[in-house]
Every structure is written in C-alpha cells, then in structure tokens.
C-alpha atoms as a PDB file:
ATOM      1  CA  UNK A   1     -22.343   4.008 -19.056  1.00  0.00           C
ATOM      2  CA  UNK A   2     -21.328   7.642 -19.460  1.00  0.00           C
ATOM      3  CA  UNK A   3     -17.692   8.662 -19.710  1.00  0.00           C
ATOM      4  CA  UNK A   4     -17.665  10.315 -16.269  1.00  0.00           C
ATOM      5  CA  UNK A   5     -19.317   7.254 -14.684  1.00  0.00           C
ATOM      6  CA  UNK A   6     -16.759   5.051 -16.414  1.00  0.00           C
ATOM      7  CA  UNK A   7     -13.886   7.205 -15.182  1.00  0.00           C
ATOM      8  CA  UNK A   8     -15.189   7.077 -11.616  1.00  0.00           C
ATOM      9  CA  UNK A   9     -15.644   3.325 -11.876  1.00  0.00           C
ATOM     10  CA  UNK A  10     -12.114   2.909 -13.294  1.00  0.00           C
ATOM     11  CA  UNK A  11     -10.664   5.022 -10.484  1.00  0.00           C
ATOM     12  CA  UNK A  12     -12.525   3.055  -7.825  1.00  0.00           C
ATOM     13  CA  UNK A  13     -11.467  -0.231  -9.403  1.00  0.00           C
ATOM     14  CA  UNK A  14      -7.841   0.889  -9.596  1.00  0.00           C
ATOM     15  CA  UNK A  15      -7.895   1.970  -5.976  1.00  0.00           C
ATOM     16  CA  UNK A  16      -9.504  -1.295  -4.859  1.00  0.00           C
ATOM     17  CA  UNK A  17      -6.989  -3.389  -6.770  1.00  0.00           C
ATOM     18  CA  UNK A  18      -4.115  -1.722  -4.984  1.00  0.00           C
ATOM     19  CA  UNK A  19      -5.715  -1.350  -1.563  1.00  0.00           C
ATOM     20  CA  UNK A  20      -4.813  -4.836  -0.379  1.00  0.00           C
ATOM     21  CA  UNK A  21      -1.118  -4.609  -1.165  1.00  0.00           C
ATOM     22  CA  UNK A  22      -0.816  -1.035   0.034  1.00  0.00           C
ATOM     23  CA  UNK A  23      -2.775  -1.732   3.195  1.00  0.00           C
ATOM     24  CA  UNK A  24      -0.678  -4.763   4.059  1.00  0.00           C
ATOM     25  CA  UNK A  25       2.564  -2.931   3.366  1.00  0.00           C
ATOM     26  CA  UNK A  26       1.486   0.128   5.323  1.00  0.00           C
ATOM     27  CA  UNK A  27       0.367  -2.011   8.213  1.00  0.00           C
ATOM     28  CA  UNK A  28       3.634  -3.959   8.124  1.00  0.00           C
ATOM     29  CA  UNK A  29       5.676  -0.771   8.112  1.00  0.00           C
ATOM     30  CA  UNK A  30       3.690   0.637  11.013  1.00  0.00           C
ATOM     31  CA  UNK A  31       4.056  -2.579  12.989  1.00  0.00           C
ATOM     32  CA  UNK A  32       7.788  -2.767  12.360  1.00  0.00           C
ATOM     33  CA  UNK A  33       8.248   0.755  13.732  1.00  0.00           C
ATOM     34  CA  UNK A  34       6.361  -0.062  16.917  1.00  0.00           C
ATOM     35  CA  UNK A  35       8.254  -2.309  19.344  1.00  0.00           C
ATOM     36  CA  UNK A  36       5.158  -2.804  21.472  1.00  0.00           C
ATOM     37  CA  UNK A  37       1.732  -1.576  20.423  1.00  0.00           C
ATOM     38  CA  UNK A  38      -1.317  -1.146  22.582  1.00  0.00           C
ATOM     39  CA  UNK A  39      -2.835  -4.241  20.983  1.00  0.00           C
ATOM     40  CA  UNK A  40       0.044  -6.320  22.325  1.00  0.00           C
ATOM     41  CA  UNK A  41       1.617  -7.102  18.940  1.00  0.00           C
ATOM     42  CA  UNK A  42       5.351  -7.089  19.511  1.00  0.00           C
ATOM     43  CA  UNK A  43       6.335  -6.043  15.986  1.00  0.00           C
ATOM     44  CA  UNK A  44       7.628  -8.161  13.153  1.00  0.00           C
ATOM     45  CA  UNK A  45      11.116  -8.657  14.533  1.00  0.00           C
ATOM     46  CA  UNK A  46       9.728 -10.304  17.648  1.00  0.00           C
ATOM     47  CA  UNK A  47       6.796 -11.974  15.932  1.00  0.00           C
ATOM     48  CA  UNK A  48       9.130 -13.660  13.470  1.00  0.00           C
ATOM     49  CA  UNK A  49      11.782 -14.408  16.087  1.00  0.00           C
ATOM     50  CA  UNK A  50      14.662 -12.830  14.191  1.00  0.00           C
ATOM     51  CA  UNK A  51      18.158 -13.392  15.571  1.00  0.00           C
ATOM     52  CA  UNK A  52      20.629 -10.499  15.844  1.00  0.00           C
ATOM     53  CA  UNK A  53      22.155 -11.007  12.401  1.00  0.00           C
ATOM     54  CA  UNK A  54      18.702 -11.232  10.808  1.00  0.00           C
ATOM     55  CA  UNK A  55      17.561  -8.119  12.663  1.00  0.00           C
ATOM     56  CA  UNK A  56      20.519  -6.124  11.389  1.00  0.00           C
ATOM     57  CA  UNK A  57      19.998  -7.245   7.768  1.00  0.00           C
ATOM     58  CA  UNK A  58      16.211  -6.732   8.098  1.00  0.00           C
ATOM     59  CA  UNK A  59      16.632  -3.154   9.300  1.00  0.00           C
ATOM     60  CA  UNK A  60      19.152  -2.380   6.565  1.00  0.00           C
ATOM     61  CA  UNK A  61      16.767  -3.658   3.896  1.00  0.00           C
ATOM     62  CA  UNK A  62      13.778  -1.941   5.456  1.00  0.00           C
ATOM     63  CA  UNK A  63      15.219   1.566   5.719  1.00  0.00           C
ATOM     64  CA  UNK A  64      15.469   2.171   1.988  1.00  0.00           C
ATOM     65  CA  UNK A  65      12.158   0.442   1.354  1.00  0.00           C
ATOM     66  CA  UNK A  66      10.227   2.575   3.849  1.00  0.00           C
ATOM     67  CA  UNK A  67      11.701   5.791   2.432  1.00  0.00           C
ATOM     68  CA  UNK A  68      10.704   4.796  -1.112  1.00  0.00           C
ATOM     69  CA  UNK A  69       7.279   3.553  -0.020  1.00  0.00           C
ATOM     70  CA  UNK A  70       6.499   6.765   1.859  1.00  0.00           C
ATOM     71  CA  UNK A  71       7.664   8.935  -1.051  1.00  0.00           C
ATOM     72  CA  UNK A  72       5.488   6.973  -3.473  1.00  0.00           C
ATOM     73  CA  UNK A  73       2.522   7.227  -1.095  1.00  0.00           C
ATOM     74  CA  UNK A  74       2.916  11.004  -0.921  1.00  0.00           C
ATOM     75  CA  UNK A  75       3.043  11.240  -4.726  1.00  0.00           C
ATOM     76  CA  UNK A  76      -0.032   9.016  -5.112  1.00  0.00           C
ATOM     77  CA  UNK A  77      -1.889  11.176  -2.609  1.00  0.00           C
ATOM     78  CA  UNK A  78      -0.912  14.379  -4.432  1.00  0.00           C
ATOM     79  CA  UNK A  79      -2.010  12.910  -7.787  1.00  0.00           C
ATOM     80  CA  UNK A  80      -5.273  11.729  -6.235  1.00  0.00           C
ATOM     81  CA  UNK A  81      -5.963  15.266  -5.011  1.00  0.00           C
ATOM     82  CA  UNK A  82      -5.273  16.646  -8.494  1.00  0.00           C
ATOM     83  CA  UNK A  83      -7.561  14.013 -10.007  1.00  0.00           C
ATOM     84  CA  UNK A  84     -10.382  14.951  -7.658  1.00  0.00           C
ATOM     85  CA  UNK A  85      -9.835  18.640  -8.428  1.00  0.00           C
ATOM     86  CA  UNK A  86      -9.931  17.881 -12.176  1.00  0.00           C
ATOM     87  CA  UNK A  87     -13.142  15.859 -11.833  1.00  0.00           C
ATOM     88  CA  UNK A  88     -14.876  18.646  -9.911  1.00  0.00           C
ATOM     89  CA  UNK A  89     -13.515  21.569 -11.932  1.00  0.00           C
ATOM     90  CA  UNK A  90     -16.196  23.917 -13.308  1.00  0.00           C
ATOM     91  CA  UNK A  91     -15.494  22.390 -16.721  1.00  0.00           C
ATOM     92  CA  UNK A  92     -13.943  18.926 -16.313  1.00  0.00           C
ATOM     93  CA  UNK A  93     -11.072  18.278 -18.699  1.00  0.00           C
ATOM     94  CA  UNK A  94     -11.246  14.615 -19.752  1.00  0.00           C
ATOM     95  CA  UNK A  95      -7.606  14.651 -20.864  1.00  0.00           C
ATOM     96  CA  UNK A  96      -6.395  16.011 -17.496  1.00  0.00           C
ATOM     97  CA  UNK A  97      -8.541  13.456 -15.666  1.00  0.00           C
ATOM     98  CA  UNK A  98      -7.158  10.607 -17.742  1.00  0.00           C
ATOM     99  CA  UNK A  99      -3.607  11.883 -17.339  1.00  0.00           C
ATOM    100  CA  UNK A 100      -3.890  11.899 -13.533  1.00  0.00           C
ATOM    101  CA  UNK A 101      -5.615   8.495 -13.509  1.00  0.00           C
ATOM    102  CA  UNK A 102      -2.843   7.012 -15.640  1.00  0.00           C
ATOM    103  CA  UNK A 103      -0.160   8.579 -13.441  1.00  0.00           C
ATOM    104  CA  UNK A 104      -1.802   7.116 -10.324  1.00  0.00           C
ATOM    105  CA  UNK A 105      -1.986   3.701 -11.969  1.00  0.00           C
ATOM    106  CA  UNK A 106       1.731   3.845 -12.872  1.00  0.00           C
ATOM    107  CA  UNK A 107       2.673   4.944  -9.351  1.00  0.00           C
ATOM    108  CA  UNK A 108       0.523   2.229  -7.765  1.00  0.00           C
ATOM    109  CA  UNK A 109       2.046  -0.379 -10.059  1.00  0.00           C
ATOM    110  CA  UNK A 110       5.546   0.764  -9.131  1.00  0.00           C
ATOM    111  CA  UNK A 111       4.623   0.712  -5.453  1.00  0.00           C
ATOM    112  CA  UNK A 112       3.250  -2.824  -5.741  1.00  0.00           C
ATOM    113  CA  UNK A 113       6.497  -3.918  -7.391  1.00  0.00           C
ATOM    114  CA  UNK A 114       8.451  -2.216  -4.598  1.00  0.00           C
ATOM    115  CA  UNK A 115       6.463  -4.143  -1.974  1.00  0.00           C
ATOM    116  CA  UNK A 116       6.939  -7.428  -3.807  1.00  0.00           C
ATOM    117  CA  UNK A 117      10.690  -6.830  -4.137  1.00  0.00           C
ATOM    118  CA  UNK A 118      10.876  -6.033  -0.417  1.00  0.00           C
ATOM    119  CA  UNK A 119       8.938  -9.154   0.530  1.00  0.00           C
ATOM    120  CA  UNK A 120      11.281 -11.232  -1.635  1.00  0.00           C
ATOM    121  CA  UNK A 121      14.313  -9.648   0.094  1.00  0.00           C
ATOM    122  CA  UNK A 122      12.775 -10.310   3.493  1.00  0.00           C
ATOM    123  CA  UNK A 123      11.926 -13.858   2.474  1.00  0.00           C
ATOM    124  CA  UNK A 124      15.607 -14.527   1.814  1.00  0.00           C
ATOM    125  CA  UNK A 125      16.485 -13.425   5.359  1.00  0.00           C
ATOM    126  CA  UNK A 126      14.056 -15.865   6.964  1.00  0.00           C
ATOM    127  CA  UNK A 127      14.114 -19.561   7.666  1.00  0.00           C
ATOM    128  CA  UNK A 128      11.148 -21.746   6.662  1.00  0.00           C
ATOM    129  CA  UNK A 129       9.313 -21.299   9.976  1.00  0.00           C
ATOM    130  CA  UNK A 130       9.724 -17.519   9.889  1.00  0.00           C
ATOM    131  CA  UNK A 131       8.588 -17.350   6.246  1.00  0.00           C
ATOM    132  CA  UNK A 132       5.437 -19.264   7.168  1.00  0.00           C
ATOM    133  CA  UNK A 133       4.746 -16.911  10.077  1.00  0.00           C
ATOM    134  CA  UNK A 134       5.130 -13.851   7.834  1.00  0.00           C
ATOM    135  CA  UNK A 135       2.987 -15.446   5.121  1.00  0.00           C
ATOM    136  CA  UNK A 136       0.227 -16.198   7.610  1.00  0.00           C
ATOM    137  CA  UNK A 137       0.401 -12.705   9.090  1.00  0.00           C
ATOM    138  CA  UNK A 138       0.048 -11.115   5.652  1.00  0.00           C
ATOM    139  CA  UNK A 139      -2.859 -13.404   4.755  1.00  0.00           C
ATOM    140  CA  UNK A 140      -4.667 -12.340   7.933  1.00  0.00           C
ATOM    141  CA  UNK A 141      -4.579  -8.668   7.009  1.00  0.00           C
ATOM    142  CA  UNK A 142      -8.067  -7.386   6.213  1.00  0.00           C
ATOM    143  CA  UNK A 143      -8.866  -6.143   2.754  1.00  0.00           C
ATOM    144  CA  UNK A 144     -11.453  -3.442   3.114  1.00  0.00           C
ATOM    145  CA  UNK A 145     -13.432  -1.293   0.799  1.00  0.00           C
ATOM    146  CA  UNK A 146     -11.984   1.876  -0.639  1.00  0.00           C
ATOM    147  CA  UNK A 147     -12.860   5.267   0.753  1.00  0.00           C
ATOM    148  CA  UNK A 148     -14.937   5.960  -2.366  1.00  0.00           C
ATOM    149  CA  UNK A 149     -16.882   2.738  -1.877  1.00  0.00           C
ATOM    150  CA  UNK A 150     -17.460   3.422   1.822  1.00  0.00           C
ATOM    151  CA  UNK A 151     -18.805   6.894   1.079  1.00  0.00           C
ATOM    152  CA  UNK A 152     -21.400   5.447  -1.293  1.00  0.00           C
ATOM    153  CA  UNK A 153     -22.431   2.574   0.980  1.00  0.00           C
ATOM    154  CA  UNK A 154     -23.722   4.891   3.699  1.00  0.00           C
ATOM    155  CA  UNK A 155     -26.344   6.859   1.801  1.00  0.00           C
END
C-alpha cells in the first residue's frame, strides 16, 4: 500500500469512525430546534415528554453545547478543506497532509467527547422512561457511508 493510498484510507477510516456520533448529534440538534418538522417528529422535548422544569434545564444545557458543537464542526470542515487542498497540490507535502489529518482527528475526538458529555448531562435530567426513549431514538439513527466512500461506490 503506497503512502498516499494509506493516507486516503486513514482519512476515510477516521471520517467513518466519527460519522455515527456526529450524525446522531447533528440530527439531534436539528430536531431539537424544530418544534414540528414536516415528517411529524415533534422534537426531543415533546418526544421525551419533558416537564417545564426539565425543559428549562434542557435548554440551558443545550445552548452552550450547540454553540461549541457548531464551532467545532466549522473548524473540522475548514481543516478538511485544507487537507484536500494539500492532497491535490501540484506537489503534495506529506508533512502538511499529516498535520491536517492529525488536527482533524484531534478535533473529531474533542467533538465526540463534547457529545458524550452532553448526553450524560441530558441523561441526568431525565427519568428512567425518558432515558430509554432517548436511548432508543439514538440507536435508530442511521449510520451511513462517508462522502468519500459514496463517491467511490458509484463508479
């Protein structure tokens, strides 16, 4: 396996490993911001049956989380663009490629930890029935292929 093939494989693997958590968190954030969606899903607050006190604490916890999650997503996207530019530069610089890959991995790891911390905070706000409903909802979220994988599957 050549170095460039290995780097592409490592990038795809890194993206796939984080896709599930990021997809679920992004979907959850989108659902929470929509009171009623066209699909009929009423949003997490309604789906979980939160009372007024829970709703207030949920929204307080969520505000900071969503700001941090969105900022991290923007940084990951910017690093991804730089990585792609480095890979397709007239003369690829292996050190620059590795530096961007490592930065993306660190950012994705931090974002995964952020999601886990948020889910643990949310868990504490919920009763057993609500925790089970959230657990089941998260388990139902699809885990798809990465954009890189999809591009190569349709040759």
